[in-house]
Amino acid sequence: MRGIHASLDEIARFAGVSKGGLIYHFASKDELILELVRTELAAFQAAVDAALDPADAAPGRLTRAYIRAVLSGGDDEARESLALITQLMTLPAVAEVARADAERIDAALAADGLPEDVLALVVAAADGMSSAPLWGGSAGSPAHRRLADRLIHLTRHPRLWESLPWP
C-alpha cells in the first residue's frame, strides 16, 4: 500500500470491496482519510477510557489512564501508527481535526488535578516513550515498563514532585 498516496482503486482492492462500494460510503479520498482519522482518535479515547481505574479517585486519575493507553501498544502497532500519523498530518484537514482533539485531551488532562509542571513532565515522557519503536527501540522493554510505572508512581506521590527543583 502507498499510504495517503494510494488511489481509491488500490484502497478498494486492499479492503476487498468494489470502488463503487467505497465511493458509496465515502464521496472522496479526503473524506475517507478524515473518517480514518476520526476512527483512530476515537479508538485512542476508548483506550484511555478503558485504562481508567474505577478504584482510583485521586488527582491524576485521567493522566495515569493516558500513560497506560499511550504505552499499551506493541512495537509493530506503534511503528505503523506513527508512520500513518506522519503521513496524515501533512493534510491540512487532518491537522485541524488532530489539533482540535489534542486541545480536548489537553483540557481534560489540565483539569485532572496535577500541577502543570508534573503533568507536562509525565505526559511528555510517555509520549516520547511511545515513539521508541519508530527508532528501533522497544516500547515493551523492561526499562520502558519500569519508567511507565515510575511515571504513574510520580503522579500519586506529591512529596516526589514537591522535592524537584522547579523554576
C-alpha atoms as a PDB file:
ATOM      1  CA  MET A   1       0.000   0.000   0.000  1.00  0.00           C
ATOM      2  CA  ARG A   2       1.230   3.535  -0.703  1.00  0.00           C
ATOM      3  CA  GLY A   3      -0.217   5.297   2.343  1.00  0.00           C
ATOM      4  CA  ILE A   4      -2.049   8.532   1.624  1.00  0.00           C
ATOM      5  CA  HIS A   5      -0.884   8.352  -1.988  1.00  0.00           C
ATOM      6  CA  ALA A   6      -2.856   5.165  -2.673  1.00  0.00           C
ATOM      7  CA  SER A   7      -5.648   5.542  -5.201  1.00  0.00           C
ATOM      8  CA  LEU A   8      -9.269   4.717  -4.399  1.00  0.00           C
ATOM      9  CA  ASP A   9      -8.883   1.686  -6.687  1.00  0.00           C
ATOM     10  CA  GLU A  10      -5.938   0.441  -4.603  1.00  0.00           C
ATOM     11  CA  ILE A  11      -7.759   1.126  -1.339  1.00  0.00           C
ATOM     12  CA  ALA A  12     -10.872  -0.713  -2.540  1.00  0.00           C
ATOM     13  CA  ARG A  13      -8.792  -3.703  -3.676  1.00  0.00           C
ATOM     14  CA  PHE A  14      -6.922  -3.792  -0.366  1.00  0.00           C
ATOM     15  CA  ALA A  15     -10.207  -3.590   1.572  1.00  0.00           C
ATOM     16  CA  GLY A  16     -11.795  -6.274  -0.591  1.00  0.00           C
ATOM     17  CA  VAL A  17     -14.647  -4.048  -1.778  1.00  0.00           C
ATOM     18  CA  SER A  18     -15.573  -2.506  -5.091  1.00  0.00           C
ATOM     19  CA  LYS A  19     -14.553   1.054  -5.859  1.00  0.00           C
ATOM     20  CA  GLY A  20     -18.261   1.854  -6.274  1.00  0.00           C
ATOM     21  CA  GLY A  21     -18.975   0.473  -2.810  1.00  0.00           C
ATOM     22  CA  LEU A  22     -16.173   2.546  -1.364  1.00  0.00           C
ATOM     23  CA  ILE A  23     -17.409   5.709  -3.086  1.00  0.00           C
ATOM     24  CA  TYR A  24     -20.953   4.994  -1.876  1.00  0.00           C
ATOM     25  CA  HIS A  25     -19.719   5.390   1.708  1.00  0.00           C
ATOM     26  CA  PHE A  26     -17.015   8.000   1.097  1.00  0.00           C
ATOM     27  CA  ALA A  27     -17.522  10.611  -1.626  1.00  0.00           C
ATOM     28  CA  SER A  28     -13.792  11.310  -1.866  1.00  0.00           C
ATOM     29  CA  LYS A  29     -10.441  10.037  -0.697  1.00  0.00           C
ATOM     30  CA  ASP A  30     -10.198  13.049   1.624  1.00  0.00           C
ATOM     31  CA  GLU A  31     -13.493  12.068   3.262  1.00  0.00           C
ATOM     32  CA  LEU A  32     -12.206   8.505   3.681  1.00  0.00           C
ATOM     33  CA  ILE A  33      -8.983   9.772   5.246  1.00  0.00           C
ATOM     34  CA  LEU A  34     -10.852  12.078   7.643  1.00  0.00           C
ATOM     35  CA  GLU A  35     -13.059   9.185   8.723  1.00  0.00           C
ATOM     36  CA  LEU A  36      -9.945   7.065   9.315  1.00  0.00           C
ATOM     37  CA  VAL A  37      -8.502   9.845  11.482  1.00  0.00           C
ATOM     38  CA  ARG A  38     -11.731  10.244  13.454  1.00  0.00           C
ATOM     39  CA  THR A  39     -11.873   6.478  13.962  1.00  0.00           C
ATOM     40  CA  GLU A  40      -8.264   6.358  15.192  1.00  0.00           C
ATOM     41  CA  LEU A  41      -8.807   9.297  17.564  1.00  0.00           C
ATOM     42  CA  ALA A  42     -11.973   7.684  18.934  1.00  0.00           C
ATOM     43  CA  ALA A  43     -10.101   4.389  19.376  1.00  0.00           C
ATOM     44  CA  PHE A  44      -7.395   6.155  21.374  1.00  0.00           C
ATOM     45  CA  GLN A  45     -10.022   7.845  23.564  1.00  0.00           C
ATOM     46  CA  ALA A  46     -11.643   4.444  24.100  1.00  0.00           C
ATOM     47  CA  ALA A  47      -8.228   3.053  25.133  1.00  0.00           C
ATOM     48  CA  VAL A  48      -7.821   5.879  27.663  1.00  0.00           C
ATOM     49  CA  ASP A  49     -11.335   5.268  28.992  1.00  0.00           C
ATOM     50  CA  ALA A  50     -10.627   1.530  29.276  1.00  0.00           C
ATOM     51  CA  ALA A  51      -7.404   2.273  31.171  1.00  0.00           C
ATOM     52  CA  LEU A  52      -9.236   4.286  33.848  1.00  0.00           C
ATOM     53  CA  ASP A  53      -9.027   2.517  37.192  1.00  0.00           C
ATOM     54  CA  PRO A  54     -12.523   2.569  38.752  1.00  0.00           C
ATOM     55  CA  ALA A  55     -10.985   2.308  42.231  1.00  0.00           C
ATOM     56  CA  ASP A  56      -8.769   5.359  41.637  1.00  0.00           C
ATOM     57  CA  ALA A  57     -10.382   8.637  42.703  1.00  0.00           C
ATOM     58  CA  ALA A  58      -7.168  10.565  43.373  1.00  0.00           C
ATOM     59  CA  PRO A  59      -5.983  13.582  41.388  1.00  0.00           C
ATOM     60  CA  GLY A  60      -4.173  12.422  38.246  1.00  0.00           C
ATOM     61  CA  ARG A  61      -6.564   9.526  37.539  1.00  0.00           C
ATOM     62  CA  LEU A  62      -7.030  10.503  33.884  1.00  0.00           C
ATOM     63  CA  THR A  63      -3.312  11.178  33.464  1.00  0.00           C
ATOM     64  CA  ARG A  64      -2.499   7.685  34.718  1.00  0.00           C
ATOM     65  CA  ALA A  65      -5.000   6.218  32.246  1.00  0.00           C
ATOM     66  CA  TYR A  66      -3.442   8.328  29.471  1.00  0.00           C
ATOM     67  CA  ILE A  67       0.031   6.984  30.324  1.00  0.00           C
ATOM     68  CA  ARG A  68      -1.264   3.399  30.297  1.00  0.00           C
ATOM     69  CA  ALA A  69      -3.068   3.908  26.968  1.00  0.00           C
ATOM     70  CA  VAL A  70      -0.145   5.633  25.240  1.00  0.00           C
ATOM     71  CA  LEU A  71       2.238   2.876  26.307  1.00  0.00           C
ATOM     72  CA  SER A  72      -0.044  -0.134  25.839  1.00  0.00           C
ATOM     73  CA  GLY A  73       0.612  -0.904  22.166  1.00  0.00           C
ATOM     74  CA  GLY A  74       3.167  -3.309  20.833  1.00  0.00           C
ATOM     75  CA  ASP A  75       6.191  -2.271  18.796  1.00  0.00           C
ATOM     76  CA  ASP A  76       4.689  -3.120  15.396  1.00  0.00           C
ATOM     77  CA  GLU A  77       1.464  -1.293  16.215  1.00  0.00           C
ATOM     78  CA  ALA A  78       3.404   1.758  17.408  1.00  0.00           C
ATOM     79  CA  ARG A  79       5.573   1.839  14.270  1.00  0.00           C
ATOM     80  CA  GLU A  80       2.541   1.536  11.994  1.00  0.00           C
ATOM     81  CA  SER A  81       0.587   4.188  13.889  1.00  0.00           C
ATOM     82  CA  LEU A  82       3.467   6.650  13.897  1.00  0.00           C
ATOM     83  CA  ALA A  83       4.151   6.114  10.201  1.00  0.00           C
ATOM     84  CA  LEU A  84       0.479   6.655   9.394  1.00  0.00           C
ATOM     85  CA  ILE A  85       0.239   9.760  11.578  1.00  0.00           C
ATOM     86  CA  THR A  86       3.332  11.236   9.942  1.00  0.00           C
ATOM     87  CA  GLN A  87       1.731  10.914   6.515  1.00  0.00           C
ATOM     88  CA  LEU A  88      -1.735  12.030   7.575  1.00  0.00           C
ATOM     89  CA  MET A  89      -0.574  15.159   9.393  1.00  0.00           C
ATOM     90  CA  THR A  90       0.627  16.615   6.090  1.00  0.00           C
ATOM     91  CA  LEU A  91      -3.028  17.122   5.134  1.00  0.00           C
ATOM     92  CA  PRO A  92      -4.470  20.417   6.482  1.00  0.00           C
ATOM     93  CA  ALA A  93      -7.932  18.975   7.223  1.00  0.00           C
ATOM     94  CA  VAL A  94      -6.373  16.127   9.202  1.00  0.00           C
ATOM     95  CA  ALA A  95      -4.096  18.509  11.085  1.00  0.00           C
ATOM     96  CA  GLU A  96      -7.163  20.555  12.075  1.00  0.00           C
ATOM     97  CA  VAL A  97      -9.075  17.513  13.354  1.00  0.00           C
ATOM     98  CA  ALA A  98      -5.982  16.350  15.263  1.00  0.00           C
ATOM     99  CA  ARG A  99      -5.411  19.838  16.716  1.00  0.00           C
ATOM    100  CA  ALA A 100      -8.988  20.014  17.990  1.00  0.00           C
ATOM    101  CA  ASP A 101      -8.658  16.555  19.537  1.00  0.00           C
ATOM    102  CA  ALA A 102      -5.331  17.476  21.154  1.00  0.00           C
ATOM    103  CA  GLU A 103      -6.942  20.580  22.657  1.00  0.00           C
ATOM    104  CA  ARG A 104      -9.744  18.422  24.074  1.00  0.00           C
ATOM    105  CA  ILE A 105      -7.265  15.970  25.608  1.00  0.00           C
ATOM    106  CA  ASP A 106      -5.055  18.779  26.940  1.00  0.00           C
ATOM    107  CA  ALA A 107      -8.054  20.458  28.609  1.00  0.00           C
ATOM    108  CA  ALA A 108      -9.178  17.193  30.202  1.00  0.00           C
ATOM    109  CA  LEU A 109      -5.667  16.457  31.483  1.00  0.00           C
ATOM    110  CA  ALA A 110      -5.266  20.032  32.770  1.00  0.00           C
ATOM    111  CA  ALA A 111      -8.438  19.556  34.826  1.00  0.00           C
ATOM    112  CA  ASP A 112      -7.166  16.261  36.265  1.00  0.00           C
ATOM    113  CA  GLY A 113      -5.750  17.784  39.430  1.00  0.00           C
ATOM    114  CA  LEU A 114      -1.991  17.516  38.899  1.00  0.00           C
ATOM    115  CA  PRO A 115       0.335  20.523  38.990  1.00  0.00           C
ATOM    116  CA  GLU A 116       1.021  21.878  35.498  1.00  0.00           C
ATOM    117  CA  ASP A 117       4.751  21.041  35.569  1.00  0.00           C
ATOM    118  CA  VAL A 118       4.167  17.474  36.779  1.00  0.00           C
ATOM    119  CA  LEU A 119       1.525  16.946  34.099  1.00  0.00           C
ATOM    120  CA  ALA A 120       3.837  18.311  31.393  1.00  0.00           C
ATOM    121  CA  LEU A 121       6.696  16.081  32.578  1.00  0.00           C
ATOM    122  CA  VAL A 122       4.801  12.790  32.725  1.00  0.00           C
ATOM    123  CA  VAL A 123       2.816  13.351  29.509  1.00  0.00           C
ATOM    124  CA  ALA A 124       5.927  14.376  27.549  1.00  0.00           C
ATOM    125  CA  ALA A 125       7.828  11.369  28.895  1.00  0.00           C
ATOM    126  CA  ALA A 126       5.008   8.956  27.991  1.00  0.00           C
ATOM    127  CA  ASP A 127       4.587  10.489  24.535  1.00  0.00           C
ATOM    128  CA  GLY A 128       8.339  10.254  23.938  1.00  0.00           C
ATOM    129  CA  MET A 129       8.454   6.651  25.126  1.00  0.00           C
ATOM    130  CA  SER A 130       5.644   5.749  22.745  1.00  0.00           C
ATOM    131  CA  SER A 131       7.797   6.755  19.771  1.00  0.00           C
ATOM    132  CA  ALA A 132      10.725   4.470  20.712  1.00  0.00           C
ATOM    133  CA  PRO A 133       9.680   1.694  18.274  1.00  0.00           C
ATOM    134  CA  LEU A 134       9.932   4.126  15.379  1.00  0.00           C
ATOM    135  CA  TRP A 135      13.656   4.433  16.110  1.00  0.00           C
ATOM    136  CA  GLY A 136      14.351   0.757  16.762  1.00  0.00           C
ATOM    137  CA  GLY A 137      13.642   0.755  20.487  1.00  0.00           C
ATOM    138  CA  SER A 138      11.086  -1.430  22.191  1.00  0.00           C
ATOM    139  CA  ALA A 139       8.066   0.002  23.964  1.00  0.00           C
ATOM    140  CA  GLY A 140       7.736  -3.261  25.869  1.00  0.00           C
ATOM    141  CA  SER A 141      11.273  -3.480  27.219  1.00  0.00           C
ATOM    142  CA  PRO A 142      11.743  -3.874  30.972  1.00  0.00           C
ATOM    143  CA  ALA A 143      13.290  -0.389  31.113  1.00  0.00           C
ATOM    144  CA  HIS A 144      10.247   1.138  29.432  1.00  0.00           C
ATOM    145  CA  ARG A 145       7.857  -0.726  31.729  1.00  0.00           C
ATOM    146  CA  ARG A 146       9.801   0.484  34.774  1.00  0.00           C
ATOM    147  CA  LEU A 147       9.724   4.057  33.517  1.00  0.00           C
ATOM    148  CA  ALA A 148       5.972   3.842  32.864  1.00  0.00           C
ATOM    149  CA  ASP A 149       5.475   2.538  36.412  1.00  0.00           C
ATOM    150  CA  ARG A 150       7.616   5.381  37.768  1.00  0.00           C
ATOM    151  CA  LEU A 151       5.644   7.997  35.845  1.00  0.00           C
ATOM    152  CA  ILE A 152       2.422   6.635  37.297  1.00  0.00           C
ATOM    153  CA  HIS A 153       4.027   6.493  40.749  1.00  0.00           C
ATOM    154  CA  LEU A 154       5.105  10.129  40.402  1.00  0.00           C
ATOM    155  CA  THR A 155       1.505  11.201  39.746  1.00  0.00           C
ATOM    156  CA  ARG A 156       0.381   9.576  43.012  1.00  0.00           C
ATOM    157  CA  HIS A 157       3.002  10.973  45.393  1.00  0.00           C
ATOM    158  CA  PRO A 158       3.159  14.767  45.805  1.00  0.00           C
ATOM    159  CA  ARG A 159       6.234  14.508  48.038  1.00  0.00           C
ATOM    160  CA  LEU A 160       8.187  13.343  44.974  1.00  0.00           C
ATOM    161  CA  TRP A 161       7.327  16.330  42.804  1.00  0.00           C
ATOM    162  CA  GLU A 162       7.430  18.813  45.678  1.00  0.00           C
ATOM    163  CA  SER A 163      11.119  17.971  46.147  1.00  0.00           C
ATOM    164  CA  LEU A 164      12.006  18.692  42.500  1.00  0.00           C
ATOM    165  CA  PRO A 165      13.805  21.974  41.776  1.00  0.00           C
ATOM    166  CA  TRP A 166      11.060  23.606  39.665  1.00  0.00           C
ATOM    167  CA  PRO A 167      11.908  27.117  38.474  1.00  0.00           C
END
